[in-house]
Amino acid sequence: QVQLVESGGGLVQAGGSLRLSCAASGSIFSINAMGWYRQAPGKQRELVAKIISGRTNYADSVRGRFTISRDNGKNTVSLQMNSLKPEDTAVYYCNVEYVDRGWSAMVSWGKGTLVTVSS
């Protein structure tokens, strides 16, 4: 079992910045991908940014404003969010795809952290 602990959400004015962090711990042999998803009220969960083997992938709506980074040694992933817009308001979820110590491919989700951007 892997635990994901997220931090960094909160309330910010439009144009401001926030940084989200997620730390993974537990029965991890290797991590294949780490990323962030978000779900706004009344909408489906969507990919925000993902990092796989050092390569990054961003949703069109955040490209150029958000930056995802990973610290391999600490099994952490961060999301630096700049130039925030009210439409970025959502619950942000950390996601980790990993192989556990039993050699099984697994996916784990964090509990989510709320980001609210006021206009």
Protein backbone atom coordinates (compact mmCIF):
# COMPACT_ATOMS: atom_id res chain seq x y z
CA GLN A 1 0.00 0.00 0.00
CA VAL A 2 1.24 3.45 -0.91
CA GLN A 3 0.27 6.63 0.86
CA LEU A 4 0.18 9.98 -0.88
CA VAL A 5 0.27 13.14 1.19
CA GLU A 6 -0.65 16.33 -0.62
CA SER A 7 -0.09 19.88 0.51
CA GLY A 8 -0.20 23.42 -0.78
CA GLY A 9 -3.78 24.10 -1.74
CA GLY A 10 -5.62 27.22 -0.69
CA LEU A 11 -7.26 30.46 -1.74
CA VAL A 12 -5.50 32.86 -4.09
CA GLN A 13 -6.49 35.81 -6.20
CA ALA A 14 -6.47 35.61 -9.98
CA GLY A 15 -2.97 36.13 -11.29
CA GLY A 16 -1.41 34.68 -8.18
CA SER A 17 0.62 31.54 -7.61
CA LEU A 18 0.42 28.36 -5.58
CA ARG A 19 2.66 25.34 -5.28
CA LEU A 20 1.29 21.87 -4.68
CA SER A 21 3.39 19.03 -3.37
CA CYS A 22 2.80 15.32 -3.02
CA ALA A 23 4.95 12.81 -1.19
CA ALA A 24 4.64 9.07 -1.82
CA SER A 25 5.63 6.50 0.75
CA GLY A 26 5.10 2.80 1.33
CA SER A 27 5.69 -0.38 -0.61
CA ILE A 28 7.28 1.08 -3.73
CA PHE A 29 9.78 -0.73 -5.91
CA SER A 30 9.77 1.86 -8.67
CA ILE A 31 7.66 4.77 -9.85
CA ASN A 32 6.70 4.94 -13.50
CA ALA A 33 4.79 8.20 -13.51
CA MET A 34 3.64 10.96 -11.19
CA GLY A 35 1.06 13.55 -11.97
CA TRP A 36 -1.74 15.88 -11.01
CA TYR A 37 -5.37 15.73 -11.95
CA ARG A 38 -8.17 18.09 -11.02
CA GLN A 39 -11.91 18.01 -10.72
CA ALA A 40 -14.03 21.13 -10.76
CA PRO A 41 -17.61 21.12 -9.46
CA GLY A 42 -19.91 19.40 -11.92
CA LYS A 43 -17.06 18.33 -14.17
CA GLN A 44 -15.10 15.16 -14.77
CA ARG A 45 -11.63 14.65 -13.39
CA GLU A 46 -9.02 15.76 -15.91
CA LEU A 47 -5.28 15.47 -16.31
CA VAL A 48 -3.40 18.65 -15.44
CA ALA A 49 0.22 17.55 -15.75
CA LYS A 50 2.20 14.35 -15.70
CA ILE A 51 5.85 13.42 -15.63
CA ILE A 52 7.00 10.09 -17.08
CA SER A 53 10.68 9.17 -17.24
CA GLY A 54 11.60 12.82 -17.11
CA ARG A 55 9.21 13.82 -19.86
CA THR A 56 6.35 16.15 -19.04
CA ASN A 57 2.85 16.38 -20.41
CA TYR A 58 0.45 19.25 -19.76
CA ALA A 59 -3.17 20.00 -20.43
CA ASP A 60 -3.52 22.72 -23.05
CA SER A 61 -5.32 24.91 -20.53
CA VAL A 62 -2.31 25.07 -18.18
CA ARG A 63 0.66 24.80 -20.52
CA GLY A 64 2.97 27.76 -20.03
CA ARG A 65 1.49 28.58 -16.62
CA PHE A 66 2.04 25.38 -14.63
CA THR A 67 5.26 23.45 -14.14
CA ILE A 68 5.50 19.91 -12.84
CA SER A 69 8.67 18.60 -11.26
CA ARG A 70 9.76 15.45 -9.50
CA ASP A 71 12.36 14.66 -6.86
CA ASN A 72 13.22 11.04 -7.55
CA GLY A 73 15.20 10.61 -4.37
CA LYS A 74 12.29 11.67 -2.18
CA ASN A 75 9.43 10.26 -4.28
CA THR A 76 7.80 13.66 -4.41
CA VAL A 77 6.09 15.56 -7.18
CA SER A 78 5.31 19.25 -7.20
CA LEU A 79 3.13 21.50 -9.31
CA GLN A 80 4.04 25.15 -9.53
CA MET A 81 0.96 27.07 -10.64
CA ASN A 82 1.41 30.63 -11.86
CA SER A 83 -0.96 33.15 -13.41
CA LEU A 84 -3.87 31.35 -11.84
CA LYS A 85 -7.33 31.90 -13.25
CA PRO A 86 -10.76 31.41 -11.67
CA GLU A 87 -11.28 28.46 -14.01
CA ASP A 88 -8.38 26.70 -12.31
CA THR A 89 -10.55 26.35 -9.22
CA ALA A 90 -10.86 22.65 -8.46
CA VAL A 91 -9.81 19.85 -6.17
CA TYR A 92 -6.35 18.74 -7.26
CA TYR A 93 -5.38 15.10 -6.91
CA CYS A 94 -1.93 13.59 -6.88
CA ASN A 95 -1.58 10.39 -8.92
CA VAL A 96 1.23 7.87 -8.88
CA GLU A 97 1.73 4.85 -11.15
CA TYR A 98 4.22 2.47 -9.60
CA VAL A 99 5.43 -1.09 -9.24
CA ASP A 100 5.18 -2.38 -5.71
CA ARG A 101 7.60 -4.68 -3.95
CA GLY A 102 5.53 -7.63 -5.08
CA TRP A 103 6.16 -6.62 -8.70
CA SER A 104 2.56 -5.58 -9.28
CA ALA A 105 1.68 -2.49 -11.32
CA MET A 106 -0.41 -0.20 -9.17
CA VAL A 107 -2.04 3.22 -9.21
CA SER A 108 -2.58 5.37 -6.15
CA TRP A 109 -4.53 8.59 -5.67
CA GLY A 110 -4.21 11.26 -3.05
CA LYS A 111 -7.21 12.53 -1.14
CA GLY A 112 -7.14 15.85 -2.96
CA THR A 113 -6.38 19.43 -2.07
CA LEU A 114 -8.68 22.33 -2.86
CA VAL A 115 -7.44 25.24 -4.95
CA THR A 116 -9.74 28.25 -5.11
CA VAL A 117 -8.93 31.19 -7.37
CA SER A 118 -10.98 34.32 -6.79
CA SER A 119 -11.61 36.88 -9.50
